[in-house]
């Protein structure tokens, strides 16, 4: 069973690697992985069995974990459209979906600077919308989705933009 579906790949700035974006529905919610792949690997033709049997991870699971540089999923299935990766200033690999930046990998530091596994869960655990009602820091969201969008913009998207701007 192939759990990873290919979306896109791009070359690393030094031309030594591919960065591939894949969807991952192994947990039932829309999930996304960005893998760092050597040039011998065809990013469009990965056949991966991403499963655990009897509590033991197969070789494919370890292979994926060794190459994953960014990953996240969305329990609410919101802001999942148009997933993409791009490299900015030959230094920052950015993962975006639903019009927001959700992940940042600093190529110079080889570090996932922003990589929240489940942003929706973090937002929901803060109980922001329920506690503060429709007013969120001066904004008036129409519903849960728009409130979640305000939270993403403030706590993830804008912080990624600031990091890129301040670390050029």
N, C-alpha and C. Protein backbone atom coordinates (compact mmCIF):
# COMPACT_ATOMS: atom_id res chain seq x y z
N UNK A 1 0.85 -1.18 0.00
CA UNK A 1 0.00 0.00 0.00
C UNK A 1 0.89 1.23 0.00
N UNK A 2 0.65 2.14 -0.92
CA UNK A 2 1.46 3.35 -1.04
C UNK A 2 0.72 4.49 -0.35
N UNK A 3 1.27 4.98 0.76
CA UNK A 3 0.60 6.02 1.53
C UNK A 3 1.00 7.43 1.12
N UNK A 4 2.09 7.57 0.40
CA UNK A 4 2.53 8.90 0.02
C UNK A 4 2.12 9.20 -1.41
N UNK A 5 1.47 10.34 -1.59
CA UNK A 5 1.11 10.80 -2.92
C UNK A 5 1.95 12.02 -3.26
N UNK A 6 2.52 11.98 -4.43
CA UNK A 6 3.41 13.04 -4.90
C UNK A 6 2.64 14.30 -5.26
N UNK A 7 3.18 15.46 -4.84
CA UNK A 7 2.66 16.75 -5.27
C UNK A 7 3.67 17.50 -6.14
N UNK A 8 4.92 17.58 -5.66
CA UNK A 8 5.86 18.49 -6.30
C UNK A 8 7.27 18.15 -5.80
N UNK A 9 8.26 18.53 -6.60
CA UNK A 9 9.64 18.50 -6.11
C UNK A 9 10.41 19.67 -6.73
N UNK A 10 11.45 20.08 -6.01
CA UNK A 10 12.32 21.15 -6.48
C UNK A 10 13.76 20.75 -6.18
N UNK A 11 14.68 21.34 -6.91
CA UNK A 11 16.11 21.11 -6.68
C UNK A 11 16.60 21.95 -5.51
N UNK A 12 17.57 21.42 -4.79
CA UNK A 12 18.23 22.22 -3.76
C UNK A 12 19.08 23.28 -4.46
N UNK A 13 19.36 24.39 -3.80
CA UNK A 13 20.16 25.44 -4.43
C UNK A 13 21.53 24.95 -4.92
N UNK A 14 22.13 24.00 -4.22
CA UNK A 14 23.44 23.48 -4.64
C UNK A 14 23.32 22.36 -5.68
N UNK A 15 22.10 21.96 -6.02
CA UNK A 15 21.87 20.94 -7.03
C UNK A 15 22.16 19.52 -6.58
N UNK A 16 22.42 19.30 -5.31
CA UNK A 16 22.77 17.97 -4.82
C UNK A 16 21.57 17.12 -4.42
N UNK A 17 20.46 17.76 -4.13
CA UNK A 17 19.28 17.05 -3.62
C UNK A 17 18.02 17.51 -4.33
N UNK A 18 16.98 16.71 -4.14
CA UNK A 18 15.61 17.12 -4.44
C UNK A 18 14.92 17.32 -3.10
N UNK A 19 13.99 18.23 -3.08
CA UNK A 19 13.05 18.33 -1.96
C UNK A 19 11.70 17.96 -2.55
N UNK A 20 11.08 16.95 -1.99
CA UNK A 20 9.80 16.47 -2.52
C UNK A 20 8.68 16.70 -1.52
N UNK A 21 7.53 17.12 -2.04
CA UNK A 21 6.33 17.32 -1.22
C UNK A 21 5.35 16.20 -1.51
N UNK A 22 4.86 15.59 -0.44
CA UNK A 22 3.95 14.45 -0.54
C UNK A 22 2.79 14.62 0.44
N UNK A 23 1.66 14.07 0.07
CA UNK A 23 0.56 13.99 1.03
C UNK A 23 0.67 12.65 1.73
N UNK A 24 0.21 12.64 2.96
CA UNK A 24 0.30 11.45 3.80
C UNK A 24 -1.02 11.31 4.55
N UNK A 25 -1.79 10.29 4.21
CA UNK A 25 -3.08 10.08 4.87
C UNK A 25 -3.03 8.86 5.78
N UNK A 26 -1.83 8.50 6.27
CA UNK A 26 -1.69 7.30 7.09
C UNK A 26 -2.41 7.43 8.43
N UNK A 27 -2.63 8.65 8.91
CA UNK A 27 -3.33 8.82 10.18
C UNK A 27 -4.80 9.19 9.98
N UNK A 28 -5.23 9.30 8.74
CA UNK A 28 -6.64 9.58 8.45
C UNK A 28 -6.95 11.04 8.19
N UNK A 29 -6.10 11.93 8.63
CA UNK A 29 -6.27 13.36 8.39
C UNK A 29 -5.31 13.79 7.28
N UNK A 30 -5.62 14.89 6.59
CA UNK A 30 -4.69 15.34 5.56
C UNK A 30 -3.34 15.71 6.17
N UNK A 31 -2.32 15.03 5.73
CA UNK A 31 -0.98 15.28 6.23
C UNK A 31 -0.04 15.55 5.08
N UNK A 32 1.06 16.20 5.37
CA UNK A 32 2.04 16.57 4.35
C UNK A 32 3.44 16.33 4.88
N UNK A 33 4.31 15.85 3.98
CA UNK A 33 5.71 15.61 4.30
C UNK A 33 6.58 16.27 3.24
N UNK A 34 7.67 16.87 3.67
CA UNK A 34 8.69 17.34 2.75
C UNK A 34 9.92 16.48 3.02
N UNK A 35 10.37 15.78 1.99
CA UNK A 35 11.49 14.87 2.11
C UNK A 35 12.71 15.43 1.38
N UNK A 36 13.88 15.23 1.95
CA UNK A 36 15.15 15.56 1.31
C UNK A 36 15.66 14.27 0.67
N UNK A 37 15.74 14.28 -0.66
CA UNK A 37 16.05 13.07 -1.42
C UNK A 37 17.33 13.23 -2.21
N UNK A 38 18.12 12.16 -2.26
CA UNK A 38 19.32 12.22 -3.10
C UNK A 38 18.90 12.18 -4.56
N UNK A 39 19.82 12.56 -5.42
CA UNK A 39 19.51 12.68 -6.85
C UNK A 39 19.27 11.32 -7.52
N UNK A 40 19.61 10.22 -6.86
CA UNK A 40 19.34 8.89 -7.42
C UNK A 40 17.86 8.51 -7.28
N UNK A 41 17.16 9.19 -6.41
CA UNK A 41 15.76 8.88 -6.14
C UNK A 41 14.87 9.67 -7.09
N UNK A 42 13.94 8.98 -7.72
CA UNK A 42 12.97 9.67 -8.58
C UNK A 42 11.82 10.14 -7.68
N UNK A 43 11.70 11.44 -7.41
CA UNK A 43 10.68 11.95 -6.49
C UNK A 43 9.25 11.64 -6.93
N UNK A 44 9.03 11.50 -8.23
CA UNK A 44 7.68 11.28 -8.73
C UNK A 44 7.26 9.82 -8.68
N UNK A 45 8.18 8.93 -8.38
CA UNK A 45 7.89 7.50 -8.47
C UNK A 45 8.21 6.75 -7.17
N UNK A 46 8.03 7.39 -6.02
CA UNK A 46 8.25 6.70 -4.75
C UNK A 46 7.12 5.72 -4.51
N UNK A 47 7.46 4.51 -4.16
CA UNK A 47 6.49 3.50 -3.75
C UNK A 47 6.80 3.16 -2.30
N UNK A 48 6.00 3.69 -1.42
CA UNK A 48 6.30 3.60 0.01
C UNK A 48 5.15 2.93 0.75
N UNK A 49 5.49 1.96 1.58
CA UNK A 49 4.53 1.36 2.50
C UNK A 49 4.80 1.97 3.86
N UNK A 50 4.05 2.99 4.18
CA UNK A 50 4.26 3.78 5.39
C UNK A 50 3.35 3.23 6.48
N UNK A 51 3.72 2.08 7.03
CA UNK A 51 2.84 1.47 8.02
C UNK A 51 3.64 0.82 9.14
N UNK A 52 2.95 0.59 10.22
CA UNK A 52 3.54 -0.08 11.38
C UNK A 52 2.68 -1.31 11.65
N UNK A 53 3.31 -2.47 11.73
CA UNK A 53 2.60 -3.73 11.98
C UNK A 53 3.07 -4.31 13.30
N UNK A 54 2.12 -4.66 14.14
CA UNK A 54 2.44 -5.26 15.44
C UNK A 54 3.42 -4.40 16.24
N UNK A 55 3.28 -3.10 16.13
CA UNK A 55 4.12 -2.17 16.88
C UNK A 55 5.52 -1.98 16.33
N UNK A 56 5.81 -2.60 15.18
CA UNK A 56 7.15 -2.51 14.60
C UNK A 56 7.07 -1.74 13.29
N UNK A 57 7.89 -0.72 13.17
CA UNK A 57 7.92 0.06 11.94
C UNK A 57 8.71 -0.70 10.88
N UNK A 58 8.20 -0.68 9.67
CA UNK A 58 8.90 -1.31 8.57
C UNK A 58 10.06 -0.46 8.09
N UNK A 59 10.85 -1.02 7.18
CA UNK A 59 12.00 -0.29 6.64
C UNK A 59 11.58 1.01 5.98
N UNK A 60 10.43 1.01 5.31
CA UNK A 60 9.98 2.22 4.62
C UNK A 60 9.68 3.35 5.60
N UNK A 61 9.15 3.02 6.77
CA UNK A 61 8.86 4.05 7.77
C UNK A 61 10.16 4.72 8.20
N UNK A 62 11.17 3.94 8.47
CA UNK A 62 12.46 4.49 8.88
C UNK A 62 13.08 5.30 7.75
N UNK A 63 12.95 4.81 6.52
CA UNK A 63 13.48 5.52 5.35
C UNK A 63 12.85 6.91 5.26
N UNK A 64 11.55 6.98 5.44
CA UNK A 64 10.85 8.27 5.39
C UNK A 64 11.28 9.17 6.54
N UNK A 65 11.31 8.62 7.74
CA UNK A 65 11.69 9.43 8.91
C UNK A 65 13.09 10.00 8.76
N UNK A 66 14.01 9.25 8.16
CA UNK A 66 15.37 9.71 7.96
C UNK A 66 15.46 10.86 6.97
N UNK A 67 14.47 11.02 6.12
CA UNK A 67 14.51 12.03 5.07
C UNK A 67 13.51 13.18 5.26
N UNK A 68 12.67 13.07 6.27
CA UNK A 68 11.65 14.10 6.51
C UNK A 68 12.29 15.33 7.14
N UNK A 69 12.06 16.48 6.49
CA UNK A 69 12.57 17.74 7.05
C UNK A 69 11.43 18.64 7.54
N UNK A 70 10.24 18.46 6.99
CA UNK A 70 9.05 19.18 7.46
C UNK A 70 7.85 18.24 7.37
N UNK A 71 6.95 18.37 8.33
CA UNK A 71 5.71 17.59 8.25
C UNK A 71 4.65 18.25 9.12
N UNK A 72 3.43 18.16 8.65
CA UNK A 72 2.30 18.57 9.48
C UNK A 72 1.01 18.03 8.89
N UNK A 73 0.00 18.02 9.70
CA UNK A 73 -1.31 17.58 9.26
C UNK A 73 -2.36 18.49 9.86
N UNK A 74 -3.59 18.35 9.38
CA UNK A 74 -4.65 19.24 9.82
C UNK A 74 -5.89 18.43 10.15
N UNK A 75 -6.19 18.33 11.44
CA UNK A 75 -7.35 17.55 11.88
C UNK A 75 -8.66 18.07 11.34
N UNK A 76 -8.75 19.33 11.08
CA UNK A 76 -10.00 19.91 10.63
C UNK A 76 -10.13 19.93 9.10
N UNK A 77 -9.09 19.51 8.42
CA UNK A 77 -9.06 19.51 6.95
C UNK A 77 -9.28 20.90 6.37
N UNK A 78 -8.83 21.90 7.09
CA UNK A 78 -8.95 23.28 6.63
C UNK A 78 -7.58 23.78 6.18
N UNK A 79 -7.56 24.69 5.28
CA UNK A 79 -6.32 25.28 4.78
C UNK A 79 -5.36 24.22 4.25
N UNK A 80 -5.90 23.28 3.50
CA UNK A 80 -5.09 22.20 2.93
C UNK A 80 -4.96 22.31 1.41
N UNK A 81 -5.67 23.23 0.81
CA UNK A 81 -5.63 23.35 -0.66
C UNK A 81 -4.31 23.94 -1.13
N UNK A 82 -3.96 23.59 -2.35
CA UNK A 82 -2.80 24.13 -3.04
C UNK A 82 -1.49 24.01 -2.23
N UNK A 83 -1.17 22.82 -1.73
CA UNK A 83 0.10 22.69 -1.03
C UNK A 83 1.27 22.86 -2.00
N UNK A 84 2.32 23.52 -1.51
CA UNK A 84 3.49 23.73 -2.38
C UNK A 84 4.72 23.98 -1.51
N UNK A 85 5.87 23.77 -2.14
CA UNK A 85 7.13 24.12 -1.51
C UNK A 85 7.87 25.07 -2.45
N UNK A 86 8.66 25.94 -1.86
CA UNK A 86 9.48 26.86 -2.65
C UNK A 86 10.72 27.22 -1.86
N UNK A 87 11.75 27.62 -2.57
CA UNK A 87 12.97 28.08 -1.93
C UNK A 87 13.06 29.58 -2.12
N UNK A 88 13.27 30.28 -1.01
CA UNK A 88 13.36 31.73 -1.01
C UNK A 88 14.79 32.13 -0.67
N UNK A 89 15.36 33.02 -1.46
CA UNK A 89 16.71 33.56 -1.25
C UNK A 89 17.78 32.47 -1.18
N UNK A 90 17.57 31.36 -1.85
CA UNK A 90 18.51 30.23 -1.85
C UNK A 90 18.87 29.75 -0.44
N UNK A 91 18.03 30.07 0.53
CA UNK A 91 18.32 29.69 1.91
C UNK A 91 17.14 29.06 2.64
N UNK A 92 15.93 29.45 2.30
CA UNK A 92 14.77 29.03 3.07
C UNK A 92 13.84 28.17 2.23
N UNK A 93 13.58 26.97 2.69
CA UNK A 93 12.58 26.13 2.05
C UNK A 93 11.27 26.32 2.81
N UNK A 94 10.25 26.79 2.11
CA UNK A 94 8.97 27.11 2.74
C UNK A 94 7.90 26.16 2.23
N UNK A 95 7.13 25.62 3.16
CA UNK A 95 5.97 24.80 2.83
C UNK A 95 4.72 25.63 3.09
N UNK A 96 3.87 25.73 2.08
CA UNK A 96 2.62 26.51 2.19
C UNK A 96 1.44 25.63 1.82
N UNK A 97 0.30 25.97 2.38
CA UNK A 97 -0.96 25.34 2.01
C UNK A 97 -2.09 26.27 2.42
N UNK A 98 -3.17 26.25 1.67
CA UNK A 98 -4.32 27.06 2.01
C UNK A 98 -4.05 28.55 2.08
N UNK A 99 -3.02 29.02 1.38
CA UNK A 99 -2.71 30.44 1.36
C UNK A 99 -1.83 30.91 2.51
N UNK A 100 -1.40 30.00 3.37
CA UNK A 100 -0.54 30.36 4.50
C UNK A 100 0.75 29.54 4.46
N UNK A 101 1.83 30.14 4.97
CA UNK A 101 3.06 29.39 5.17
C UNK A 101 2.91 28.59 6.46
N UNK A 102 3.21 27.30 6.38
CA UNK A 102 3.06 26.43 7.54
C UNK A 102 4.38 25.84 8.04
N UNK A 103 5.42 25.86 7.23
CA UNK A 103 6.68 25.26 7.64
C UNK A 103 7.86 25.97 7.00
N UNK A 104 8.96 26.02 7.73
CA UNK A 104 10.17 26.66 7.23
C UNK A 104 11.37 25.80 7.63
N UNK A 105 12.17 25.48 6.63
CA UNK A 105 13.43 24.76 6.85
C UNK A 105 14.55 25.69 6.42
N UNK A 106 15.46 26.00 7.35
CA UNK A 106 16.59 26.87 7.08
C UNK A 106 17.70 26.01 6.48
N UNK A 107 17.95 26.17 5.19
CA UNK A 107 18.93 25.34 4.49
C UNK A 107 20.34 25.58 5.00
N UNK A 108 20.65 26.81 5.38
CA UNK A 108 21.99 27.14 5.88
C UNK A 108 22.24 26.44 7.21
N UNK A 109 21.27 26.45 8.09
CA UNK A 109 21.41 25.83 9.41
C UNK A 109 21.05 24.34 9.40
N UNK A 110 20.43 23.90 8.29
CA UNK A 110 19.91 22.53 8.18
C UNK A 110 19.01 22.21 9.37
N UNK A 111 18.01 23.08 9.55
CA UNK A 111 17.13 22.99 10.71
C UNK A 111 15.70 23.37 10.33
N UNK A 112 14.75 22.62 10.88
CA UNK A 112 13.34 22.97 10.69
C UNK A 112 12.99 24.07 11.69
N UNK A 113 13.09 25.29 11.26
CA UNK A 113 12.91 26.44 12.12
C UNK A 113 11.45 26.58 12.59
N UNK A 114 10.51 26.31 11.69
CA UNK A 114 9.09 26.29 12.03
C UNK A 114 8.51 25.00 11.45
N UNK A 115 8.05 24.13 12.32
CA UNK A 115 7.53 22.84 11.88
C UNK A 115 6.56 22.32 12.94
N UNK A 116 5.37 22.86 12.96
CA UNK A 116 4.36 22.46 13.93
C UNK A 116 3.60 21.25 13.37
N UNK A 117 3.72 20.13 14.03
CA UNK A 117 3.10 18.89 13.56
C UNK A 117 1.61 19.03 13.32
N UNK A 118 0.91 19.63 14.27
CA UNK A 118 -0.54 19.78 14.14
C UNK A 118 -0.98 21.16 14.63
N UNK A 119 -0.92 22.14 13.74
CA UNK A 119 -1.30 23.49 14.16
C UNK A 119 -2.76 23.59 14.63
N UNK A 120 -3.65 22.85 14.00
CA UNK A 120 -5.06 22.92 14.41
C UNK A 120 -5.20 22.47 15.86
N UNK A 121 -4.52 21.41 16.22
CA UNK A 121 -4.60 20.89 17.58
C UNK A 121 -4.06 21.91 18.58
N UNK A 122 -2.97 22.57 18.23
CA UNK A 122 -2.42 23.60 19.12
C UNK A 122 -3.41 24.74 19.30
N UNK A 123 -4.01 25.18 18.18
CA UNK A 123 -5.01 26.25 18.25
C UNK A 123 -6.19 25.82 19.10
N UNK A 124 -6.72 24.63 18.84
CA UNK A 124 -7.90 24.15 19.56
C UNK A 124 -7.61 23.95 21.05
N UNK A 125 -6.40 23.51 21.38
CA UNK A 125 -6.07 23.27 22.79
C UNK A 125 -6.02 24.56 23.60
N UNK A 126 -5.84 25.69 22.92
CA UNK A 126 -5.81 26.97 23.61
C UNK A 126 -7.22 27.49 23.89
N UNK A 127 -8.20 26.87 23.26
CA UNK A 127 -9.61 27.21 23.49
C UNK A 127 -9.85 28.70 23.28
N UNK A 128 -9.13 29.28 22.35
CA UNK A 128 -9.18 30.73 22.12
C UNK A 128 -10.58 31.18 21.71
N UNK A 129 -11.13 30.53 20.72
CA UNK A 129 -12.40 30.99 20.19
C UNK A 129 -13.52 30.83 21.21
N UNK A 130 -13.55 29.70 21.88
CA UNK A 130 -14.61 29.45 22.85
C UNK A 130 -14.53 30.41 24.03
N UNK A 131 -13.32 30.71 24.49
CA UNK A 131 -13.17 31.59 25.66
C UNK A 131 -13.43 33.05 25.34
N UNK A 132 -12.98 33.51 24.19
CA UNK A 132 -13.04 34.92 23.87
C UNK A 132 -14.21 35.28 22.98
N UNK A 133 -15.00 34.28 22.63
CA UNK A 133 -16.14 34.56 21.78
C UNK A 133 -15.70 35.02 20.41
N UNK A 134 -16.52 35.80 19.73
CA UNK A 134 -16.19 36.18 18.36
C UNK A 134 -15.11 37.26 18.25
N UNK A 135 -14.68 37.83 19.36
CA UNK A 135 -13.64 38.86 19.29
C UNK A 135 -12.28 38.25 19.60
N UNK A 136 -11.38 38.34 18.64
CA UNK A 136 -10.04 37.81 18.79
C UNK A 136 -9.06 38.91 18.46
N UNK A 137 -8.52 39.55 19.48
CA UNK A 137 -7.54 40.63 19.31
C UNK A 137 -8.03 41.68 18.32
N UNK A 138 -9.26 42.08 18.43
CA UNK A 138 -9.78 43.14 17.57
C UNK A 138 -10.39 42.64 16.27
N UNK A 139 -10.16 41.39 15.92
CA UNK A 139 -10.75 40.82 14.71
C UNK A 139 -12.08 40.18 15.07
N UNK A 140 -12.96 40.14 14.13
CA UNK A 140 -14.25 39.50 14.37
C UNK A 140 -14.38 38.35 13.37
N UNK A 141 -13.96 37.15 13.76
CA UNK A 141 -14.11 36.02 12.85
C UNK A 141 -15.56 35.62 12.70
N UNK A 142 -15.88 35.11 11.53
CA UNK A 142 -17.25 34.69 11.26
C UNK A 142 -17.57 33.35 11.88
N UNK A 143 -16.55 32.51 12.01
CA UNK A 143 -16.78 31.15 12.49
C UNK A 143 -15.45 30.56 12.93
N UNK A 144 -15.47 29.28 13.28
CA UNK A 144 -14.26 28.60 13.74
C UNK A 144 -13.16 28.64 12.70
N UNK A 145 -13.49 28.41 11.44
CA UNK A 145 -12.46 28.39 10.40
C UNK A 145 -11.76 29.73 10.28
N UNK A 146 -12.51 30.82 10.30
CA UNK A 146 -11.86 32.12 10.16
C UNK A 146 -11.05 32.46 11.41
N UNK A 147 -11.49 32.02 12.59
CA UNK A 147 -10.72 32.23 13.80
C UNK A 147 -9.41 31.45 13.73
N UNK A 148 -9.48 30.23 13.28
CA UNK A 148 -8.28 29.40 13.10
C UNK A 148 -7.34 30.07 12.09
N UNK A 149 -7.87 30.63 11.04
CA UNK A 149 -7.07 31.34 10.05
C UNK A 149 -6.35 32.54 10.65
N UNK A 150 -7.02 33.29 11.50
CA UNK A 150 -6.39 34.43 12.18
C UNK A 150 -5.23 33.92 13.05
N UNK A 151 -5.46 32.83 13.75
CA UNK A 151 -4.42 32.26 14.61
C UNK A 151 -3.22 31.79 13.78
N UNK A 152 -3.47 31.11 12.66
CA UNK A 152 -2.38 30.66 11.78
C UNK A 152 -1.56 31.85 11.30
N UNK A 153 -2.26 32.87 10.83
CA UNK A 153 -1.56 34.04 10.29
C UNK A 153 -0.65 34.66 11.35
N UNK A 154 -1.17 34.82 12.56
CA UNK A 154 -0.41 35.47 13.62
C UNK A 154 0.70 34.59 14.18
N UNK A 155 0.43 33.31 14.40
CA UNK A 155 1.35 32.45 15.12
C UNK A 155 2.29 31.60 14.26
N UNK A 156 2.00 31.49 12.98
CA UNK A 156 2.87 30.69 12.12
C UNK A 156 3.30 31.50 10.90
N UNK A 157 2.35 31.88 10.06
CA UNK A 157 2.63 32.56 8.79
C UNK A 157 3.48 33.82 8.99
N UNK A 158 3.05 34.73 9.85
CA UNK A 158 3.79 35.98 10.06
C UNK A 158 5.14 35.75 10.71
N UNK A 159 5.24 34.75 11.58
CA UNK A 159 6.53 34.45 12.21
C UNK A 159 7.52 33.89 11.19
N UNK A 160 7.05 33.12 10.24
CA UNK A 160 7.92 32.62 9.18
C UNK A 160 8.38 33.79 8.31
N UNK A 161 7.46 34.67 7.94
CA UNK A 161 7.83 35.84 7.15
C UNK A 161 8.87 36.69 7.89
N UNK A 162 8.67 36.90 9.18
CA UNK A 162 9.62 37.70 9.97
C UNK A 162 10.99 37.02 10.04
N UNK A 163 11.00 35.71 10.22
CA UNK A 163 12.28 35.00 10.30
C UNK A 163 13.05 35.15 8.99
N UNK A 164 12.36 34.98 7.88
CA UNK A 164 13.01 35.13 6.57
C UNK A 164 13.54 36.55 6.41
N UNK A 165 12.72 37.53 6.74
CA UNK A 165 13.12 38.93 6.60
C UNK A 165 14.32 39.28 7.47
N UNK A 166 14.38 38.71 8.68
CA UNK A 166 15.43 39.06 9.63
C UNK A 166 16.69 38.21 9.48
N UNK A 167 16.67 37.20 8.63
CA UNK A 167 17.82 36.30 8.50
C UNK A 167 18.34 36.17 7.08
N UNK A 168 18.13 37.17 6.27
CA UNK A 168 18.62 37.13 4.89
C UNK A 168 20.12 37.19 4.84
